[in-house]
Amino acid sequence: VQLQASGGGLVQAGGSLRLSCAASGRTLSTMSVGWFRQAPGKEREFVAVINWNSGSTYGADSVKGRFTISKDNAKKSVYLQMNSLKPEDTAVYYCATSPVYGSIWYRDFDSWGQGTQVTVSS
């Protein structure tokens, strides 16, 4: 699976961004698609995950109520709508696919996009 993430940028605190992740290639074994983020000097952090078949979702506590993950199966795309952004949301955001249902552990994700930078100014 090849993944292309896009939609990052610079936004003021309280603003919104919508990230997109387009998949190509063999996606038949994909069970979950997740978003992770990594800020400078920090570990990669789980953000949200969506089950590719059922559409069930789960998000990290730090983004609940602000971020929404969704998908479009026909376009093989997953989106992350980010509202009420905070400076602490600043990071490189990665999308990734996993053959494991419901995992939020990054080691279960075996295909990764190149990342897109999100910068939130205060």
N, C-alpha and C. Protein backbone atom coordinates (compact mmCIF):
# COMPACT_ATOMS: atom_id res chain seq x y z
N VAL A 1 0.85 -1.19 0.00
CA VAL A 1 0.00 0.00 0.00
C VAL A 1 0.89 1.25 0.00
N GLN A 2 0.57 2.17 -0.88
CA GLN A 2 1.26 3.47 -0.87
C GLN A 2 0.28 4.52 -0.35
N LEU A 3 0.79 5.38 0.52
CA LEU A 3 -0.06 6.39 1.14
C LEU A 3 0.50 7.78 0.86
N GLN A 4 -0.41 8.69 0.56
CA GLN A 4 -0.03 10.08 0.31
C GLN A 4 -0.84 10.97 1.23
N ALA A 5 -0.16 11.60 2.18
CA ALA A 5 -0.82 12.50 3.12
C ALA A 5 -0.68 13.94 2.63
N SER A 6 -1.71 14.72 2.86
CA SER A 6 -1.68 16.13 2.46
C SER A 6 -2.62 16.93 3.34
N GLY A 7 -2.55 18.25 3.22
CA GLY A 7 -3.48 19.12 3.92
C GLY A 7 -2.90 19.88 5.09
N GLY A 8 -1.66 19.61 5.43
CA GLY A 8 -1.05 20.32 6.54
C GLY A 8 -0.80 21.78 6.20
N GLY A 9 -0.38 22.54 7.23
CA GLY A 9 -0.11 23.94 7.00
C GLY A 9 0.05 24.68 8.31
N LEU A 10 0.07 25.99 8.20
CA LEU A 10 0.20 26.88 9.36
C LEU A 10 -1.17 27.48 9.65
N VAL A 11 -1.60 27.39 10.90
CA VAL A 11 -2.89 27.92 11.29
C VAL A 11 -2.78 28.51 12.69
N GLN A 12 -3.62 29.49 12.97
CA GLN A 12 -3.64 30.07 14.30
C GLN A 12 -4.41 29.18 15.27
N ALA A 13 -4.09 29.30 16.53
CA ALA A 13 -4.82 28.55 17.56
C ALA A 13 -6.31 28.82 17.43
N GLY A 14 -7.10 27.76 17.55
CA GLY A 14 -8.53 27.86 17.38
C GLY A 14 -9.00 27.60 15.97
N GLY A 15 -8.07 27.53 15.04
CA GLY A 15 -8.41 27.30 13.65
C GLY A 15 -8.62 25.83 13.33
N SER A 16 -8.81 25.56 12.04
CA SER A 16 -9.10 24.21 11.58
C SER A 16 -8.25 23.85 10.37
N LEU A 17 -8.00 22.57 10.25
CA LEU A 17 -7.35 22.00 9.07
C LEU A 17 -7.98 20.64 8.80
N ARG A 18 -7.93 20.24 7.53
CA ARG A 18 -8.41 18.91 7.16
C ARG A 18 -7.28 18.19 6.44
N LEU A 19 -6.83 17.10 7.05
CA LEU A 19 -5.79 16.27 6.44
C LEU A 19 -6.43 15.17 5.61
N SER A 20 -5.76 14.84 4.51
CA SER A 20 -6.22 13.76 3.66
C SER A 20 -5.13 12.71 3.52
N CYS A 21 -5.56 11.46 3.38
CA CYS A 21 -4.63 10.37 3.17
C CYS A 21 -5.20 9.50 2.05
N ALA A 22 -4.51 9.49 0.92
CA ALA A 22 -4.97 8.73 -0.24
C ALA A 22 -4.13 7.46 -0.36
N ALA A 23 -4.81 6.32 -0.49
CA ALA A 23 -4.14 5.03 -0.60
C ALA A 23 -4.18 4.53 -2.03
N SER A 24 -3.11 3.85 -2.42
CA SER A 24 -3.08 3.21 -3.72
C SER A 24 -2.36 1.88 -3.58
N GLY A 25 -2.49 1.05 -4.60
CA GLY A 25 -1.87 -0.26 -4.53
C GLY A 25 -2.79 -1.27 -3.85
N ARG A 26 -2.18 -2.33 -3.32
CA ARG A 26 -2.96 -3.40 -2.72
C ARG A 26 -3.46 -2.99 -1.33
N THR A 27 -4.75 -2.85 -1.20
CA THR A 27 -5.35 -2.46 0.07
C THR A 27 -6.27 -3.53 0.64
N LEU A 28 -6.27 -4.72 0.01
CA LEU A 28 -7.23 -5.74 0.42
C LEU A 28 -7.05 -6.20 1.86
N SER A 29 -5.80 -6.17 2.36
CA SER A 29 -5.54 -6.65 3.71
C SER A 29 -5.68 -5.57 4.76
N THR A 30 -6.05 -4.37 4.33
CA THR A 30 -6.13 -3.26 5.27
C THR A 30 -7.37 -3.40 6.15
N MET A 31 -7.16 -3.41 7.46
CA MET A 31 -8.27 -3.43 8.40
C MET A 31 -8.48 -2.08 9.06
N SER A 32 -7.39 -1.38 9.30
CA SER A 32 -7.48 -0.10 10.01
C SER A 32 -6.60 0.93 9.31
N VAL A 33 -7.03 2.16 9.39
CA VAL A 33 -6.21 3.28 8.93
C VAL A 33 -6.11 4.27 10.09
N GLY A 34 -4.91 4.64 10.41
CA GLY A 34 -4.72 5.51 11.56
C GLY A 34 -3.95 6.76 11.22
N TRP A 35 -4.11 7.74 12.09
CA TRP A 35 -3.29 8.95 12.05
C TRP A 35 -2.43 8.97 13.31
N PHE A 36 -1.18 9.26 13.11
CA PHE A 36 -0.24 9.43 14.20
C PHE A 36 0.44 10.79 14.02
N ARG A 37 1.08 11.28 15.07
CA ARG A 37 1.81 12.52 14.93
C ARG A 37 3.09 12.45 15.75
N GLN A 38 4.05 13.24 15.32
CA GLN A 38 5.32 13.28 16.02
C GLN A 38 5.83 14.70 16.05
N ALA A 39 5.98 15.21 17.25
CA ALA A 39 6.55 16.53 17.46
C ALA A 39 8.05 16.40 17.66
N PRO A 40 8.82 17.46 17.41
CA PRO A 40 10.28 17.39 17.58
C PRO A 40 10.66 16.95 18.98
N GLY A 41 11.52 15.96 19.05
CA GLY A 41 12.01 15.49 20.34
C GLY A 41 11.05 14.61 21.11
N LYS A 42 9.93 14.27 20.49
CA LYS A 42 8.92 13.44 21.18
C LYS A 42 8.69 12.14 20.44
N GLU A 43 8.09 11.18 21.15
CA GLU A 43 7.74 9.91 20.55
C GLU A 43 6.56 10.07 19.60
N ARG A 44 6.48 9.15 18.64
CA ARG A 44 5.31 9.14 17.76
C ARG A 44 4.07 8.83 18.60
N GLU A 45 3.01 9.57 18.36
CA GLU A 45 1.82 9.51 19.22
C GLU A 45 0.58 9.14 18.39
N PHE A 46 -0.21 8.23 18.90
CA PHE A 46 -1.47 7.87 18.26
C PHE A 46 -2.44 9.04 18.33
N VAL A 47 -3.16 9.28 17.22
CA VAL A 47 -4.16 10.34 17.18
C VAL A 47 -5.57 9.76 17.01
N ALA A 48 -5.78 8.99 15.95
CA ALA A 48 -7.12 8.44 15.69
C ALA A 48 -6.99 7.27 14.73
N VAL A 49 -7.98 6.39 14.78
CA VAL A 49 -8.00 5.22 13.90
C VAL A 49 -9.42 4.96 13.44
N ILE A 50 -9.55 4.43 12.22
CA ILE A 50 -10.85 4.08 11.68
C ILE A 50 -10.76 2.68 11.08
N ASN A 51 -11.79 1.89 11.35
CA ASN A 51 -11.86 0.56 10.76
C ASN A 51 -12.31 0.69 9.31
N TRP A 52 -11.56 0.05 8.40
CA TRP A 52 -11.80 0.27 6.98
C TRP A 52 -13.15 -0.27 6.52
N ASN A 53 -13.62 -1.35 7.13
CA ASN A 53 -14.88 -1.96 6.71
C ASN A 53 -16.09 -1.38 7.44
N SER A 54 -16.01 -1.34 8.77
CA SER A 54 -17.18 -0.93 9.54
C SER A 54 -17.29 0.58 9.71
N GLY A 55 -16.17 1.27 9.63
CA GLY A 55 -16.19 2.71 9.85
C GLY A 55 -16.13 3.11 11.31
N SER A 56 -16.00 2.14 12.20
CA SER A 56 -15.90 2.50 13.62
C SER A 56 -14.60 3.27 13.85
N THR A 57 -14.66 4.19 14.80
CA THR A 57 -13.52 5.07 15.03
C THR A 57 -13.13 5.11 16.49
N TYR A 58 -11.92 5.54 16.72
CA TYR A 58 -11.44 5.74 18.09
C TYR A 58 -10.38 6.82 18.04
N GLY A 59 -10.43 7.73 19.01
CA GLY A 59 -9.46 8.81 19.06
C GLY A 59 -8.78 8.92 20.40
N ALA A 60 -7.60 9.49 20.38
CA ALA A 60 -6.88 9.73 21.62
C ALA A 60 -7.63 10.74 22.47
N ASP A 61 -7.46 10.63 23.78
CA ASP A 61 -8.16 11.56 24.68
C ASP A 61 -7.81 13.02 24.37
N SER A 62 -6.58 13.24 23.95
CA SER A 62 -6.12 14.60 23.72
C SER A 62 -6.82 15.28 22.54
N VAL A 63 -7.47 14.51 21.68
CA VAL A 63 -8.12 15.11 20.51
C VAL A 63 -9.62 14.87 20.47
N LYS A 64 -10.14 14.12 21.42
CA LYS A 64 -11.59 13.85 21.42
C LYS A 64 -12.38 15.14 21.53
N GLY A 65 -13.42 15.22 20.71
CA GLY A 65 -14.24 16.41 20.68
C GLY A 65 -13.71 17.49 19.76
N ARG A 66 -12.47 17.32 19.27
CA ARG A 66 -11.87 18.32 18.38
C ARG A 66 -11.53 17.74 17.00
N PHE A 67 -11.07 16.51 16.98
CA PHE A 67 -10.65 15.87 15.72
C PHE A 67 -11.66 14.79 15.36
N THR A 68 -11.91 14.65 14.06
CA THR A 68 -12.81 13.62 13.56
C THR A 68 -12.15 12.90 12.39
N ILE A 69 -12.10 11.57 12.49
CA ILE A 69 -11.56 10.78 11.40
C ILE A 69 -12.71 10.20 10.59
N SER A 70 -12.56 10.19 9.27
CA SER A 70 -13.61 9.66 8.40
C SER A 70 -12.96 9.04 7.17
N LYS A 71 -13.75 8.38 6.36
CA LYS A 71 -13.20 7.70 5.19
C LYS A 71 -14.13 7.78 4.01
N ASP A 72 -13.58 7.57 2.84
CA ASP A 72 -14.34 7.44 1.61
C ASP A 72 -13.78 6.22 0.90
N ASN A 73 -14.49 5.09 1.02
CA ASN A 73 -13.97 3.84 0.45
C ASN A 73 -13.77 3.93 -1.06
N ALA A 74 -14.69 4.59 -1.74
CA ALA A 74 -14.61 4.69 -3.20
C ALA A 74 -13.34 5.42 -3.62
N LYS A 75 -12.93 6.39 -2.84
CA LYS A 75 -11.72 7.15 -3.16
C LYS A 75 -10.49 6.59 -2.46
N LYS A 76 -10.67 5.51 -1.67
CA LYS A 76 -9.57 4.93 -0.88
C LYS A 76 -8.86 6.03 -0.10
N SER A 77 -9.64 6.82 0.55
CA SER A 77 -9.08 7.96 1.28
C SER A 77 -9.63 8.03 2.69
N VAL A 78 -8.78 8.54 3.57
CA VAL A 78 -9.15 8.77 4.96
C VAL A 78 -8.83 10.23 5.27
N TYR A 79 -9.67 10.83 6.10
CA TYR A 79 -9.53 12.25 6.39
C TYR A 79 -9.44 12.46 7.90
N LEU A 80 -8.78 13.52 8.28
CA LEU A 80 -8.73 13.93 9.68
C LEU A 80 -9.12 15.41 9.75
N GLN A 81 -10.34 15.65 10.20
CA GLN A 81 -10.80 17.02 10.38
C GLN A 81 -10.36 17.48 11.75
N MET A 82 -9.58 18.54 11.79
CA MET A 82 -9.03 19.03 13.05
C MET A 82 -9.58 20.42 13.32
N ASN A 83 -10.34 20.53 14.39
CA ASN A 83 -10.92 21.81 14.79
C ASN A 83 -10.35 22.24 16.14
N SER A 84 -10.54 23.50 16.47
CA SER A 84 -10.07 24.04 17.75
C SER A 84 -8.61 23.67 18.00
N LEU A 85 -7.80 23.89 17.00
CA LEU A 85 -6.39 23.50 17.10
C LEU A 85 -5.66 24.29 18.17
N LYS A 86 -4.72 23.60 18.80
CA LYS A 86 -3.92 24.18 19.87
C LYS A 86 -2.45 24.13 19.48
N PRO A 87 -1.63 24.99 20.06
CA PRO A 87 -0.19 24.93 19.75
C PRO A 87 0.41 23.55 20.01
N GLU A 88 -0.09 22.84 21.00
CA GLU A 88 0.44 21.51 21.30
C GLU A 88 0.06 20.46 20.26
N ASP A 89 -0.78 20.82 19.29
CA ASP A 89 -1.09 19.93 18.18
C ASP A 89 -0.03 20.01 17.09
N THR A 90 0.90 20.93 17.23
CA THR A 90 1.96 21.08 16.24
C THR A 90 2.81 19.82 16.15
N ALA A 91 2.91 19.27 14.95
CA ALA A 91 3.64 18.02 14.74
C ALA A 91 3.61 17.67 13.26
N VAL A 92 4.39 16.66 12.90
CA VAL A 92 4.23 16.04 11.59
C VAL A 92 3.20 14.94 11.76
N TYR A 93 2.20 14.95 10.91
CA TYR A 93 1.11 13.98 10.98
C TYR A 93 1.29 12.92 9.89
N TYR A 94 1.19 11.67 10.31
CA TYR A 94 1.36 10.54 9.41
C TYR A 94 0.09 9.71 9.36
N CYS A 95 -0.26 9.23 8.18
CA CYS A 95 -1.30 8.22 8.09
C CYS A 95 -0.63 6.87 7.85
N ALA A 96 -1.30 5.83 8.29
CA ALA A 96 -0.73 4.50 8.19
C ALA A 96 -1.83 3.46 8.15
N THR A 97 -1.53 2.31 7.55
CA THR A 97 -2.50 1.23 7.48
C THR A 97 -2.02 0.03 8.27
N SER A 98 -2.98 -0.74 8.73
CA SER A 98 -2.67 -1.92 9.53
C SER A 98 -3.58 -3.07 9.14
N PRO A 99 -3.06 -4.31 9.13
CA PRO A 99 -3.92 -5.48 8.92
C PRO A 99 -4.60 -5.92 10.21
N VAL A 100 -4.34 -5.22 11.29
CA VAL A 100 -4.90 -5.55 12.60
C VAL A 100 -6.12 -4.67 12.86
N TYR A 101 -7.21 -5.32 13.28
CA TYR A 101 -8.43 -4.58 13.58
C TYR A 101 -8.30 -3.85 14.90
N GLY A 102 -8.55 -2.55 14.89
CA GLY A 102 -8.69 -1.79 16.11
C GLY A 102 -7.42 -1.44 16.86
N SER A 103 -6.26 -1.71 16.27
CA SER A 103 -5.03 -1.42 17.00
C SER A 103 -4.73 0.07 17.00
N ILE A 104 -4.14 0.53 18.09
CA ILE A 104 -3.65 1.92 18.16
C ILE A 104 -2.14 1.92 18.39
N TRP A 105 -1.53 0.75 18.32
CA TRP A 105 -0.10 0.61 18.57
C TRP A 105 0.63 0.76 17.25
N TYR A 106 1.56 1.68 17.18
CA TYR A 106 2.14 2.03 15.88
C TYR A 106 2.86 0.84 15.25
N ARG A 107 3.35 -0.10 16.05
CA ARG A 107 4.08 -1.24 15.47
C ARG A 107 3.16 -2.18 14.70
N ASP A 108 1.85 -2.05 14.89
CA ASP A 108 0.91 -2.87 14.11
C ASP A 108 0.64 -2.27 12.74
N PHE A 109 1.13 -1.06 12.50
CA PHE A 109 0.89 -0.38 11.23
C PHE A 109 2.11 -0.57 10.34
N ASP A 110 1.89 -1.13 9.15
CA ASP A 110 3.02 -1.55 8.34
C ASP A 110 3.23 -0.71 7.07
N SER A 111 2.32 0.16 6.74
CA SER A 111 2.52 1.07 5.61
C SER A 111 2.29 2.49 6.10
N TRP A 112 3.24 3.37 5.77
CA TRP A 112 3.20 4.74 6.28
C TRP A 112 3.31 5.73 5.13
N GLY A 113 2.58 6.82 5.26
CA GLY A 113 2.74 7.93 4.33
C GLY A 113 3.95 8.76 4.71
N GLN A 114 4.21 9.80 3.93
CA GLN A 114 5.42 10.59 4.12
C GLN A 114 5.27 11.65 5.21
N GLY A 115 4.09 11.90 5.67
CA GLY A 115 3.88 12.90 6.71
C GLY A 115 3.56 14.27 6.15
N THR A 116 2.78 15.01 6.90
CA THR A 116 2.45 16.39 6.53
C THR A 116 2.55 17.26 7.78
N GLN A 117 3.20 18.40 7.64
CA GLN A 117 3.48 19.26 8.79
C GLN A 117 2.25 20.09 9.15
N VAL A 118 1.92 20.08 10.43
CA VAL A 118 0.88 20.94 10.97
C VAL A 118 1.52 21.84 12.01
N THR A 119 1.39 23.14 11.84
CA THR A 119 1.95 24.10 12.78
C THR A 119 0.84 25.02 13.25
N VAL A 120 0.65 25.07 14.57
CA VAL A 120 -0.38 25.91 15.17
C VAL A 120 0.29 27.01 15.96
N SER A 121 0.05 28.23 15.58
CA SER A 121 0.65 29.36 16.26
C SER A 121 -0.27 29.88 17.36
N SER A 122 0.33 30.40 18.40
CA SER A 122 -0.46 30.89 19.55
C SER A 122 -0.82 32.36 19.38
